[in-house]
Amino acid sequence: MSVQNGSKWIEQDSAHCLHPFTNFKALNDKGSRVITRAEGIYIYDEHDNKILDGMAGLWCVNMGYNCEPLIEAATNQLKELPYYNLFFQTTHPPAVELSTLLAEVAPEG
């Protein structure tokens, strides 16, 4: 990613994005850090600085970034049935399998 694109993204971010839990004065003074890619437990910014992602993407990528088994499983599921609700007496295999696994590890009662 070029620094030129990074500058454009920072400008657009400043004009259009609302950042939660942010000191807006500091954000206005410094601008945003643009995260452009990730690998394993690291993220990289627009200057290609390698940064340890200690919060695991806000605790959403606890298996790391680009985890091939997870990517493969998600891709297969997205191709087969990306989503369906459980309303009106419907179910689907992933919901049944997950609820069964959760019941097996949950405490009695």
PDB file of N, CA and C in Angstrom:
ATOM      1  N   MET A   1       0.846  -1.179   0.000  1.00  0.00           N
ATOM      2  CA  MET A   1       0.000   0.000   0.000  1.00  0.00           C
ATOM      3  C   MET A   1       0.878   1.223   0.000  1.00  0.00           C
ATOM      4  N   SER A   2       0.559   2.171  -0.838  1.00  0.00           N
ATOM      5  CA  SER A   2       1.368   3.378  -0.897  1.00  0.00           C
ATOM      6  C   SER A   2       0.983   4.346   0.207  1.00  0.00           C
ATOM      7  N   VAL A   3       1.948   5.166   0.628  1.00  0.00           N
ATOM      8  CA  VAL A   3       1.680   6.195   1.635  1.00  0.00           C
ATOM      9  C   VAL A   3       0.653   7.180   1.097  1.00  0.00           C
ATOM     10  N   GLN A   4       0.641   7.381  -0.222  1.00  0.00           N
ATOM     11  CA  GLN A   4      -0.343   8.283  -0.835  1.00  0.00           C
ATOM     12  C   GLN A   4      -1.758   7.780  -0.552  1.00  0.00           C
ATOM     13  N   ASN A   5      -2.000   6.483  -0.732  1.00  0.00           N
ATOM     14  CA  ASN A   5      -3.312   5.928  -0.388  1.00  0.00           C
ATOM     15  C   ASN A   5      -3.588   6.081   1.093  1.00  0.00           C
ATOM     16  N   GLY A   6      -2.556   5.876   1.924  1.00  0.00           N
ATOM     17  CA  GLY A   6      -2.709   6.042   3.361  1.00  0.00           C
ATOM     18  C   GLY A   6      -3.157   7.446   3.707  1.00  0.00           C
ATOM     19  N   SER A   7      -2.560   8.442   3.081  1.00  0.00           N
ATOM     20  CA  SER A   7      -2.947   9.836   3.326  1.00  0.00           C
ATOM     21  C   SER A   7      -4.391  10.077   2.914  1.00  0.00           C
ATOM     22  N   LYS A   8      -4.789   9.509   1.792  1.00  0.00           N
ATOM     23  CA  LYS A   8      -6.168   9.665   1.327  1.00  0.00           C
ATOM     24  C   LYS A   8      -7.135   9.016   2.313  1.00  0.00           C
ATOM     25  N   TRP A   9      -6.784   7.820   2.790  1.00  0.00           N
ATOM     26  CA  TRP A   9      -7.651   7.130   3.748  1.00  0.00           C
ATOM     27  C   TRP A   9      -7.757   7.903   5.054  1.00  0.00           C
ATOM     28  N   ILE A  10      -6.641   8.465   5.508  1.00  0.00           N
ATOM     29  CA  ILE A  10      -6.666   9.252   6.744  1.00  0.00           C
ATOM     30  C   ILE A  10      -7.566  10.468   6.571  1.00  0.00           C
ATOM     31  N   GLU A  11      -7.470  11.123   5.432  1.00  0.00           N
ATOM     32  CA  GLU A  11      -8.316  12.292   5.143  1.00  0.00           C
ATOM     33  C   GLU A  11      -9.795  11.894   5.110  1.00  0.00           C
ATOM     34  N   GLN A  12     -10.113  10.812   4.424  1.00  0.00           N
ATOM     35  CA  GLN A  12     -11.501  10.355   4.352  1.00  0.00           C
ATOM     36  C   GLN A  12     -11.995   9.878   5.711  1.00  0.00           C
ATOM     37  N   ASP A  13     -11.134   9.218   6.461  1.00  0.00           N
ATOM     38  CA  ASP A  13     -11.487   8.769   7.801  1.00  0.00           C
ATOM     39  C   ASP A  13     -11.849   9.966   8.673  1.00  0.00           C
ATOM     40  N   SER A  14     -11.033  10.987   8.614  1.00  0.00           N
ATOM     41  CA  SER A  14     -11.273  12.191   9.417  1.00  0.00           C
ATOM     42  C   SER A  14     -12.606  12.837   9.068  1.00  0.00           C
ATOM     43  N   ALA A  15     -12.980  12.762   7.808  1.00  0.00           N
ATOM     44  CA  ALA A  15     -14.218  13.399   7.355  1.00  0.00           C
ATOM     45  C   ALA A  15     -15.465  12.555   7.616  1.00  0.00           C
ATOM     46  N   HIS A  16     -15.311  11.211   7.690  1.00  0.00           N
ATOM     47  CA  HIS A  16     -16.509  10.376   7.665  1.00  0.00           C
ATOM     48  C   HIS A  16     -16.647   9.329   8.769  1.00  0.00           C
ATOM     49  N   CYS A  17     -15.579   8.977   9.469  1.00  0.00           N
ATOM     50  CA  CYS A  17     -15.651   7.888  10.454  1.00  0.00           C
ATOM     51  C   CYS A  17     -15.781   8.429  11.874  1.00  0.00           C
ATOM     52  N   LEU A  18     -16.577   7.733  12.655  1.00  0.00           N
ATOM     53  CA  LEU A  18     -16.711   8.038  14.075  1.00  0.00           C
ATOM     54  C   LEU A  18     -16.030   6.912  14.848  1.00  0.00           C
ATOM     55  N   HIS A  19     -15.020   7.255  15.634  1.00  0.00           N
ATOM     56  CA  HIS A  19     -14.236   6.268  16.372  1.00  0.00           C
ATOM     57  C   HIS A  19     -14.709   6.186  17.818  1.00  0.00           C
ATOM     58  N   PRO A  20     -15.182   5.011  18.255  1.00  0.00           N
ATOM     59  CA  PRO A  20     -15.618   4.873  19.649  1.00  0.00           C
ATOM     60  C   PRO A  20     -14.418   4.898  20.599  1.00  0.00           C
ATOM     61  N   PHE A  21     -14.676   5.271  21.842  1.00  0.00           N
ATOM     62  CA  PHE A  21     -13.651   5.292  22.895  1.00  0.00           C
ATOM     63  C   PHE A  21     -12.401   6.045  22.449  1.00  0.00           C
ATOM     64  N   THR A  22     -12.591   7.225  21.879  1.00  0.00           N
ATOM     65  CA  THR A  22     -11.494   7.979  21.288  1.00  0.00           C
ATOM     66  C   THR A  22     -11.421   9.377  21.869  1.00  0.00           C
ATOM     67  N   ASN A  23     -10.214   9.835  22.122  1.00  0.00           N
ATOM     68  CA  ASN A  23      -9.965  11.226  22.471  1.00  0.00           C
ATOM     69  C   ASN A  23      -9.940  11.995  21.148  1.00  0.00           C
ATOM     70  N   PHE A  24     -11.001  12.725  20.865  1.00  0.00           N
ATOM     71  CA  PHE A  24     -11.134  13.357  19.551  1.00  0.00           C
ATOM     72  C   PHE A  24     -10.124  14.470  19.324  1.00  0.00           C
ATOM     73  N   LYS A  25      -9.672  15.123  20.385  1.00  0.00           N
ATOM     74  CA  LYS A  25      -8.631  16.140  20.219  1.00  0.00           C
ATOM     75  C   LYS A  25      -7.343  15.475  19.745  1.00  0.00           C
ATOM     76  N   ALA A  26      -6.966  14.386  20.406  1.00  0.00           N
ATOM     77  CA  ALA A  26      -5.756  13.661  20.002  1.00  0.00           C
ATOM     78  C   ALA A  26      -5.903  13.108  18.585  1.00  0.00           C
ATOM     79  N   LEU A  27      -7.071  12.582  18.262  1.00  0.00           N
ATOM     80  CA  LEU A  27      -7.313  12.064  16.917  1.00  0.00           C
ATOM     81  C   LEU A  27      -7.183  13.177  15.888  1.00  0.00           C
ATOM     82  N   ASN A  28      -7.744  14.338  16.193  1.00  0.00           N
ATOM     83  CA  ASN A  28      -7.663  15.478  15.280  1.00  0.00           C
ATOM     84  C   ASN A  28      -6.218  15.948  15.119  1.00  0.00           C
ATOM     85  N   ASP A  29      -5.456  15.924  16.211  1.00  0.00           N
ATOM     86  CA  ASP A  29      -4.058  16.373  16.158  1.00  0.00           C
ATOM     87  C   ASP A  29      -3.162  15.398  15.396  1.00  0.00           C
ATOM     88  N   LYS A  30      -3.341  14.096  15.625  1.00  0.00           N
ATOM     89  CA  LYS A  30      -2.447  13.085  15.059  1.00  0.00           C
ATOM     90  C   LYS A  30      -2.997  12.391  13.819  1.00  0.00           C
ATOM     91  N   GLY A  31      -4.299  12.276  13.722  1.00  0.00           N
ATOM     92  CA  GLY A  31      -4.901  11.488  12.652  1.00  0.00           C
ATOM     93  C   GLY A  31      -4.924  10.015  13.015  1.00  0.00           C
ATOM     94  N   SER A  32      -5.624   9.245  12.226  1.00  0.00           N
ATOM     95  CA  SER A  32      -5.766   7.808  12.471  1.00  0.00           C
ATOM     96  C   SER A  32      -4.550   7.046  11.974  1.00  0.00           C
ATOM     97  N   ARG A  33      -4.316   5.895  12.568  1.00  0.00           N
ATOM     98  CA  ARG A  33      -3.352   4.938  12.043  1.00  0.00           C
ATOM     99  C   ARG A  33      -4.156   3.987  11.168  1.00  0.00           C
ATOM    100  N   VAL A  34      -3.763   3.831   9.922  1.00  0.00           N
ATOM    101  CA  VAL A  34      -4.487   2.974   8.988  1.00  0.00           C
ATOM    102  C   VAL A  34      -3.879   1.572   9.037  1.00  0.00           C
ATOM    103  N   ILE A  35      -4.672   0.605   9.454  1.00  0.00           N
ATOM    104  CA  ILE A  35      -4.232  -0.791   9.486  1.00  0.00           C
ATOM    105  C   ILE A  35      -4.557  -1.392   8.123  1.00  0.00           C
ATOM    106  N   THR A  36      -3.535  -1.885   7.441  1.00  0.00           N
ATOM    107  CA  THR A  36      -3.700  -2.308   6.051  1.00  0.00           C
ATOM    108  C   THR A  36      -3.693  -3.816   5.837  1.00  0.00           C
ATOM    109  N   ARG A  37      -3.094  -4.553   6.774  1.00  0.00           N
ATOM    110  CA  ARG A  37      -3.056  -6.006   6.619  1.00  0.00           C
ATOM    111  C   ARG A  37      -2.725  -6.634   7.958  1.00  0.00           C
ATOM    112  N   ALA A  38      -2.821  -7.961   8.013  1.00  0.00           N
ATOM    113  CA  ALA A  38      -2.519  -8.686   9.244  1.00  0.00           C
ATOM    114  C   ALA A  38      -2.043 -10.085   8.901  1.00  0.00           C
ATOM    115  N   GLU A  39      -1.234 -10.633   9.795  1.00  0.00           N
ATOM    116  CA  GLU A  39      -0.722 -11.987   9.620  1.00  0.00           C
ATOM    117  C   GLU A  39      -0.406 -12.552  10.997  1.00  0.00           C
ATOM    118  N   GLY A  40      -0.979 -13.712  11.304  1.00  0.00           N
ATOM    119  CA  GLY A  40      -0.729 -14.318  12.609  1.00  0.00           C
ATOM    120  C   GLY A  40      -1.241 -13.426  13.731  1.00  0.00           C
ATOM    121  N   ILE A  41      -0.344 -13.006  14.619  1.00  0.00           N
ATOM    122  CA  ILE A  41      -0.734 -12.144  15.746  1.00  0.00           C
ATOM    123  C   ILE A  41      -0.341 -10.689  15.514  1.00  0.00           C
ATOM    124  N   TYR A  42       0.044 -10.353  14.293  1.00  0.00           N
ATOM    125  CA  TYR A  42       0.516  -9.001  13.993  1.00  0.00           C
ATOM    126  C   TYR A  42      -0.395  -8.280  13.006  1.00  0.00           C
ATOM    127  N   ILE A  43      -0.491  -6.968  13.194  1.00  0.00           N
ATOM    128  CA  ILE A  43      -1.142  -6.086  12.233  1.00  0.00           C
ATOM    129  C   ILE A  43      -0.071  -5.164  11.667  1.00  0.00           C
ATOM    130  N   TYR A  44      -0.347  -4.582  10.510  1.00  0.00           N
ATOM    131  CA  TYR A  44       0.600  -3.690   9.846  1.00  0.00           C
ATOM    132  C   TYR A  44      -0.128  -2.413   9.463  1.00  0.00           C
ATOM    133  N   ASP A  45       0.568  -1.279   9.646  1.00  0.00           N
ATOM    134  CA  ASP A  45      -0.062  -0.006   9.310  1.00  0.00           C
ATOM    135  C   ASP A  45       0.362   0.468   7.925  1.00  0.00           C
ATOM    136  N   GLU A  46      -0.096   1.670   7.564  1.00  0.00           N
ATOM    137  CA  GLU A  46       0.157   2.209   6.231  1.00  0.00           C
ATOM    138  C   GLU A  46       1.632   2.427   5.937  1.00  0.00           C
ATOM    139  N   HIS A  47       2.478   2.428   6.967  1.00  0.00           N
ATOM    140  CA  HIS A  47       3.931   2.560   6.786  1.00  0.00           C
ATOM    141  C   HIS A  47       4.627   1.207   6.911  1.00  0.00           C
ATOM    142  N   ASP A  48       3.844   0.146   6.929  1.00  0.00           N
ATOM    143  CA  ASP A  48       4.303  -1.236   7.050  1.00  0.00           C
ATOM    144  C   ASP A  48       4.980  -1.517   8.387  1.00  0.00           C
ATOM    145  N   ASN A  49       4.618  -0.752   9.430  1.00  0.00           N
ATOM    146  CA  ASN A  49       5.085  -1.059  10.779  1.00  0.00           C
ATOM    147  C   ASN A  49       4.386  -2.318  11.270  1.00  0.00           C
ATOM    148  N   LYS A  50       5.155  -3.243  11.820  1.00  0.00           N
ATOM    149  CA  LYS A  50       4.633  -4.502  12.359  1.00  0.00           C
ATOM    150  C   LYS A  50       4.274  -4.271  13.825  1.00  0.00           C
ATOM    151  N   ILE A  51       3.009  -4.533  14.183  1.00  0.00           N
ATOM    152  CA  ILE A  51       2.499  -4.223  15.516  1.00  0.00           C
ATOM    153  C   ILE A  51       1.839  -5.474  16.092  1.00  0.00           C
ATOM    154  N   LEU A  52       2.225  -5.849  17.317  1.00  0.00           N
ATOM    155  CA  LEU A  52       1.578  -6.966  17.999  1.00  0.00           C
ATOM    156  C   LEU A  52       0.137  -6.578  18.319  1.00  0.00           C
ATOM    157  N   ASP A  53      -0.822  -7.368  17.859  1.00  0.00           N
ATOM    158  CA  ASP A  53      -2.232  -7.078  18.122  1.00  0.00           C
ATOM    159  C   ASP A  53      -2.632  -7.752  19.430  1.00  0.00           C
ATOM    160  N   GLY A  54      -2.297  -7.111  20.534  1.00  0.00           N
ATOM    161  CA  GLY A  54      -2.554  -7.669  21.851  1.00  0.00           C
ATOM    162  C   GLY A  54      -4.025  -7.843  22.175  1.00  0.00           C
ATOM    163  N   MET A  55      -4.892  -7.083  21.508  1.00  0.00           N
ATOM    164  CA  MET A  55      -6.333  -7.214  21.766  1.00  0.00           C
ATOM    165  C   MET A  55      -6.999  -8.188  20.800  1.00  0.00           C
ATOM    166  N   ALA A  56      -6.221  -8.826  19.952  1.00  0.00           N
ATOM    167  CA  ALA A  56      -6.743  -9.815  18.998  1.00  0.00           C
ATOM    168  C   ALA A  56      -7.938  -9.279  18.234  1.00  0.00           C
ATOM    169  N   GLY A  57      -7.756  -8.100  17.625  1.00  0.00           N
ATOM    170  CA  GLY A  57      -8.833  -7.516  16.829  1.00  0.00           C
ATOM    171  C   GLY A  57     -10.087  -7.297  17.635  1.00  0.00           C
ATOM    172  N   LEU A  58      -9.929  -6.775  18.847  1.00  0.00           N
ATOM    173  CA  LEU A  58     -11.044  -6.560  19.779  1.00  0.00           C
ATOM    174  C   LEU A  58     -11.617  -7.911  20.213  1.00  0.00           C
ATOM    175  N   TRP A  59     -10.730  -8.874  20.407  1.00  0.00           N
ATOM    176  CA  TRP A  59     -11.052 -10.216  20.892  1.00  0.00           C
ATOM    177  C   TRP A  59     -11.876 -11.021  19.883  1.00  0.00           C
ATOM    178  N   CYS A  60     -11.823 -10.650  18.617  1.00  0.00           N
ATOM    179  CA  CYS A  60     -12.601 -11.350  17.579  1.00  0.00           C
ATOM    180  C   CYS A  60     -11.743 -12.304  16.752  1.00  0.00           C
ATOM    181  N   VAL A  61     -10.442 -12.208  16.855  1.00  0.00           N
ATOM    182  CA  VAL A  61      -9.558 -13.074  16.070  1.00  0.00           C
ATOM    183  C   VAL A  61      -8.559 -13.767  16.995  1.00  0.00           C
ATOM    184  N   ASN A  62      -9.094 -14.458  17.997  1.00  0.00           N
ATOM    185  CA  ASN A  62      -8.221 -15.081  18.990  1.00  0.00           C
ATOM    186  C   ASN A  62      -7.409 -16.246  18.432  1.00  0.00           C
ATOM    187  N   MET A  63      -7.678 -16.669  17.212  1.00  0.00           N
ATOM    188  CA  MET A  63      -6.858 -17.695  16.566  1.00  0.00           C
ATOM    189  C   MET A  63      -5.829 -17.059  15.644  1.00  0.00           C
ATOM    190  N   GLY A  64      -5.751 -15.727  15.663  1.00  0.00           N
ATOM    191  CA  GLY A  64      -4.810 -15.018  14.806  1.00  0.00           C
ATOM    192  C   GLY A  64      -5.417 -14.712  13.448  1.00  0.00           C
ATOM    193  N   TYR A  65      -4.698 -13.918  12.700  1.00  0.00           N
ATOM    194  CA  TYR A  65      -5.134 -13.538  11.355  1.00  0.00           C
ATOM    195  C   TYR A  65      -4.629 -14.553  10.340  1.00  0.00           C
ATOM    196  N   ASN A  66      -5.404 -14.761   9.304  1.00  0.00           N
ATOM    197  CA  ASN A  66      -5.057 -15.668   8.205  1.00  0.00           C
ATOM    198  C   ASN A  66      -4.845 -17.101   8.675  1.00  0.00           C
ATOM    199  N   CYS A  67      -5.667 -17.546   9.605  1.00  0.00           N
ATOM    200  CA  CYS A  67      -5.616 -18.927  10.105  1.00  0.00           C
ATOM    201  C   CYS A  67      -6.278 -19.821   9.049  1.00  0.00           C
ATOM    202  N   GLU A  68      -5.466 -20.567   8.313  1.00  0.00           N
ATOM    203  CA  GLU A  68      -5.969 -21.332   7.164  1.00  0.00           C
ATOM    204  C   GLU A  68      -7.103 -22.305   7.503  1.00  0.00           C
ATOM    205  N   PRO A  69      -7.030 -23.081   8.589  1.00  0.00           N
ATOM    206  CA  PRO A  69      -8.162 -23.973   8.885  1.00  0.00           C
ATOM    207  C   PRO A  69      -9.468 -23.205   9.119  1.00  0.00           C
ATOM    208  N   LEU A  70      -9.382 -22.066   9.771  1.00  0.00           N
ATOM    209  CA  LEU A  70     -10.572 -21.252  10.007  1.00  0.00           C
ATOM    210  C   LEU A  70     -11.092 -20.646   8.702  1.00  0.00           C
ATOM    211  N   ILE A  71     -10.189 -20.161   7.861  1.00  0.00           N
ATOM    212  CA  ILE A  71     -10.581 -19.601   6.560  1.00  0.00           C
ATOM    213  C   ILE A  71     -11.265 -20.670   5.711  1.00  0.00           C
ATOM    214  N   GLU A  72     -10.696 -21.868   5.706  1.00  0.00           N
ATOM    215  CA  GLU A  72     -11.273 -22.963   4.920  1.00  0.00           C
ATOM    216  C   GLU A  72     -12.656 -23.350   5.439  1.00  0.00           C
ATOM    217  N   ALA A  73     -12.788 -23.479   6.759  1.00  0.00           N
ATOM    218  CA  ALA A  73     -14.089 -23.839   7.341  1.00  0.00           C
ATOM    219  C   ALA A  73     -15.130 -22.760   7.059  1.00  0.00           C
ATOM    220  N   ALA A  74     -14.749 -21.500   7.216  1.00  0.00           N
ATOM    221  CA  ALA A  74     -15.690 -20.404   6.960  1.00  0.00           C
ATOM    222  C   ALA A  74     -16.074 -20.349   5.486  1.00  0.00           C
ATOM    223  N   THR A  75     -15.101 -20.516   4.604  1.00  0.00           N
ATOM    224  CA  THR A  75     -15.381 -20.494   3.162  1.00  0.00           C
ATOM    225  C   THR A  75     -16.350 -21.607   2.787  1.00  0.00           C
ATOM    226  N   ASN A  76     -16.100 -22.806   3.294  1.00  0.00           N
ATOM    227  CA  ASN A  76     -16.994 -23.932   2.994  1.00  0.00           C
ATOM    228  C   ASN A  76     -18.404 -23.664   3.500  1.00  0.00           C
ATOM    229  N   GLN A  77     -18.518 -23.139   4.718  1.00  0.00           N
ATOM    230  CA  GLN A  77     -19.844 -22.861   5.271  1.00  0.00           C
ATOM    231  C   GLN A  77     -20.532 -21.739   4.500  1.00  0.00           C
ATOM    232  N   LEU A  78     -19.782 -20.705   4.128  1.00  0.00           N
ATOM    233  CA  LEU A  78     -20.375 -19.600   3.366  1.00  0.00           C
ATOM    234  C   LEU A  78     -20.894 -20.064   2.010  1.00  0.00           C
ATOM    235  N   LYS A  79     -20.220 -21.032   1.408  1.00  0.00           N
ATOM    236  CA  LYS A  79     -20.676 -21.575   0.125  1.00  0.00           C
ATOM    237  C   LYS A  79     -21.934 -22.424   0.291  1.00  0.00           C
ATOM    238  N   GLU A  80     -22.032 -23.132   1.405  1.00  0.00           N
ATOM    239  CA  GLU A  80     -23.152 -24.050   1.619  1.00  0.00           C
ATOM    240  C   GLU A  80     -24.390 -23.340   2.162  1.00  0.00           C
ATOM    241  N   LEU A  81     -24.234 -22.640   3.272  1.00  0.00           N
ATOM    242  CA  LEU A  81     -25.350 -21.928   3.895  1.00  0.00           C
ATOM    243  C   LEU A  81     -24.757 -20.842   4.788  1.00  0.00           C
ATOM    244  N   PRO A  82     -24.640 -19.613   4.283  1.00  0.00           N
ATOM    245  CA  PRO A  82     -23.991 -18.565   5.060  1.00  0.00           C
ATOM    246  C   PRO A  82     -24.754 -18.169   6.315  1.00  0.00           C
ATOM    247  N   TYR A  83     -26.076 -18.260   6.266  1.00  0.00           N
ATOM    248  CA  TYR A  83     -26.880 -17.865   7.419  1.00  0.00           C
ATOM    249  C   TYR A  83     -28.313 -18.317   7.206  1.00  0.00           C
ATOM    250  N   TYR A  84     -28.946 -18.698   8.273  1.00  0.00           N
ATOM    251  CA  TYR A  84     -30.391 -18.806   8.314  1.00  0.00           C
ATOM    252  C   TYR A  84     -30.811 -18.717   9.768  1.00  0.00           C
ATOM    253  N   ASN A  85     -31.990 -18.164   9.996  1.00  0.00           N
ATOM    254  CA  ASN A  85     -32.483 -17.972  11.364  1.00  0.00           C
ATOM    255  C   ASN A  85     -33.089 -19.264  11.911  1.00  0.00           C
ATOM    256  N   LEU A  86     -33.402 -19.233  13.198  1.00  0.00           N
ATOM    257  CA  LEU A  86     -34.027 -20.385  13.852  1.00  0.00           C
ATOM    258  C   LEU A  86     -35.486 -20.111  14.200  1.00  0.00           C
ATOM    259  N   PHE A  87     -36.051 -19.056  13.630  1.00  0.00           N
ATOM    260  CA  PHE A  87     -37.456 -18.728  13.881  1.00  0.00           C
ATOM    261  C   PHE A  87     -38.380 -19.708  13.149  1.00  0.00           C
ATOM    262  N   PHE A  88     -39.630 -19.773  13.614  1.00  0.00           N
ATOM    263  CA  PHE A  88     -40.710 -20.503  12.934  1.00  0.00           C
ATOM    264  C   PHE A  88     -40.387 -21.974  12.702  1.00  0.00           C
ATOM    265  N   GLN A  89     -39.878 -22.621  13.742  1.00  0.00           N
ATOM    266  CA  GLN A  89     -39.600 -24.057  13.726  1.00  0.00           C
ATOM    267  C   GLN A  89     -38.605 -24.480  12.640  1.00  0.00           C
ATOM    268  N   THR A  90     -37.635 -23.633  12.337  1.00  0.00           N
ATOM    269  CA  THR A  90     -36.584 -24.038  11.396  1.00  0.00           C
ATOM    270  C   THR A  90     -35.274 -24.222  12.155  1.00  0.00           C
ATOM    271  N   THR A  91     -34.402 -25.016  11.590  1.00  0.00           N
ATOM    272  CA  THR A  91     -33.060 -25.205  12.137  1.00  0.00           C
ATOM    273  C   THR A  91     -32.116 -25.482  10.978  1.00  0.00           C
ATOM    274  N   HIS A  92     -30.861 -25.655  11.274  1.00  0.00           N
ATOM    275  CA  HIS A  92     -29.877 -26.013  10.253  1.00  0.00           C
ATOM    276  C   HIS A  92     -28.717 -26.741  10.929  1.00  0.00           C
ATOM    277  N   PRO A  93     -27.971 -27.548  10.179  1.00  0.00           N
ATOM    278  CA  PRO A  93     -26.922 -28.376  10.778  1.00  0.00           C
ATOM    279  C   PRO A  93     -25.922 -27.620  11.665  1.00  0.00           C
ATOM    280  N   PRO A  94     -25.376 -26.460  11.253  1.00  0.00           N
ATOM    281  CA  PRO A  94     -24.428 -25.797  12.151  1.00  0.00           C
ATOM    282  C   PRO A  94     -25.036 -25.422  13.505  1.00  0.00           C
ATOM    283  N   ALA A  95     -26.289 -24.995  13.530  1.00  0.00           N
ATOM    284  CA  ALA A  95     -26.939 -24.647  14.800  1.00  0.00           C
ATOM    285  C   ALA A  95     -27.123 -25.885  15.668  1.00  0.00           C
ATOM    286  N   VAL A  96     -27.529 -26.991  15.054  1.00  0.00           N
ATOM    287  CA  VAL A  96     -27.725 -28.239  15.794  1.00  0.00           C
ATOM    288  C   VAL A  96     -26.388 -28.736  16.345  1.00  0.00           C
ATOM    289  N   GLU A  97     -25.356 -28.740  15.506  1.00  0.00           N
ATOM    290  CA  GLU A  97     -24.048 -29.236  15.933  1.00  0.00           C
ATOM    291  C   GLU A  97     -23.449 -28.363  17.035  1.00  0.00           C
ATOM    292  N   LEU A  98     -23.545 -27.038  16.894  1.00  0.00           N
ATOM    293  CA  LEU A  98     -23.002 -26.145  17.916  1.00  0.00           C
ATOM    294  C   LEU A  98     -23.758 -26.278  19.229  1.00  0.00           C
ATOM    295  N   SER A  99     -25.082 -26.313  19.168  1.00  0.00           N
ATOM    296  CA  SER A  99     -25.854 -26.427  20.413  1.00  0.00           C
ATOM    297  C   SER A  99     -25.576 -27.755  21.115  1.00  0.00           C
ATOM    298  N   THR A 100     -25.345 -28.802  20.347  1.00  0.00           N
ATOM    299  CA  THR A 100     -24.996 -30.095  20.936  1.00  0.00           C
ATOM    300  C   THR A 100     -23.640 -30.023  21.637  1.00  0.00           C
ATOM    301  N   LEU A 101     -22.643 -29.414  20.977  1.00  0.00           N
ATOM    302  CA  LEU A 101     -21.322 -29.259  21.598  1.00  0.00           C
ATOM    303  C   LEU A 101     -21.391 -28.411  22.861  1.00  0.00           C
ATOM    304  N   LEU A 102     -22.150 -27.327  22.816  1.00  0.00           N
ATOM    305  CA  LEU A 102     -22.287 -26.467  23.996  1.00  0.00           C
ATOM    306  C   LEU A 102     -22.948 -27.205  25.150  1.00  0.00           C
ATOM    307  N   ALA A 103     -23.958 -28.010  24.833  1.00  0.00           N
ATOM    308  CA  ALA A 103     -24.634 -28.786  25.880  1.00  0.00           C
ATOM    309  C   ALA A 103     -23.683 -29.801  26.514  1.00  0.00           C
ATOM    310  N   GLU A 104     -22.785 -30.350  25.721  1.00  0.00           N
ATOM    311  CA  GLU A 104     -21.830 -31.336  26.238  1.00  0.00           C
ATOM    312  C   GLU A 104     -20.825 -30.717  27.211  1.00  0.00           C
ATOM    313  N   VAL A 105     -20.455 -29.456  27.002  1.00  0.00           N
ATOM    314  CA  VAL A 105     -19.447 -28.826  27.869  1.00  0.00           C
ATOM    315  C   VAL A 105     -20.056 -27.958  28.964  1.00  0.00           C
ATOM    316  N   ALA A 106     -21.352 -27.712  28.885  1.00  0.00           N
ATOM    317  CA  ALA A 106     -22.014 -26.867  29.890  1.00  0.00           C
ATOM    318  C   ALA A 106     -22.222 -27.648  31.184  1.00  0.00           C
ATOM    319  N   PRO A 107     -22.242 -26.943  32.320  1.00  0.00           N
ATOM    320  CA  PRO A 107     -22.533 -27.620  33.586  1.00  0.00           C
ATOM    321  C   PRO A 107     -23.956 -28.170  33.595  1.00  0.00           C
ATOM    322  N   GLU A 108     -24.179 -29.182  34.390  1.00  0.00           N
ATOM    323  CA  GLU A 108     -25.518 -29.768  34.521  1.00  0.00           C
ATOM    324  C   GLU A 108     -26.515 -28.727  35.009  1.00  0.00           C
ATOM    325  N   GLY A 109     -27.764 -28.869  34.523  1.00  0.00           N
ATOM    326  CA  GLY A 109     -28.851 -28.017  35.008  1.00  0.00           C
ATOM    327  C   GLY A 109     -29.030 -26.848  34.168  1.00  0.00           C
TER     328      GLY A 109
END
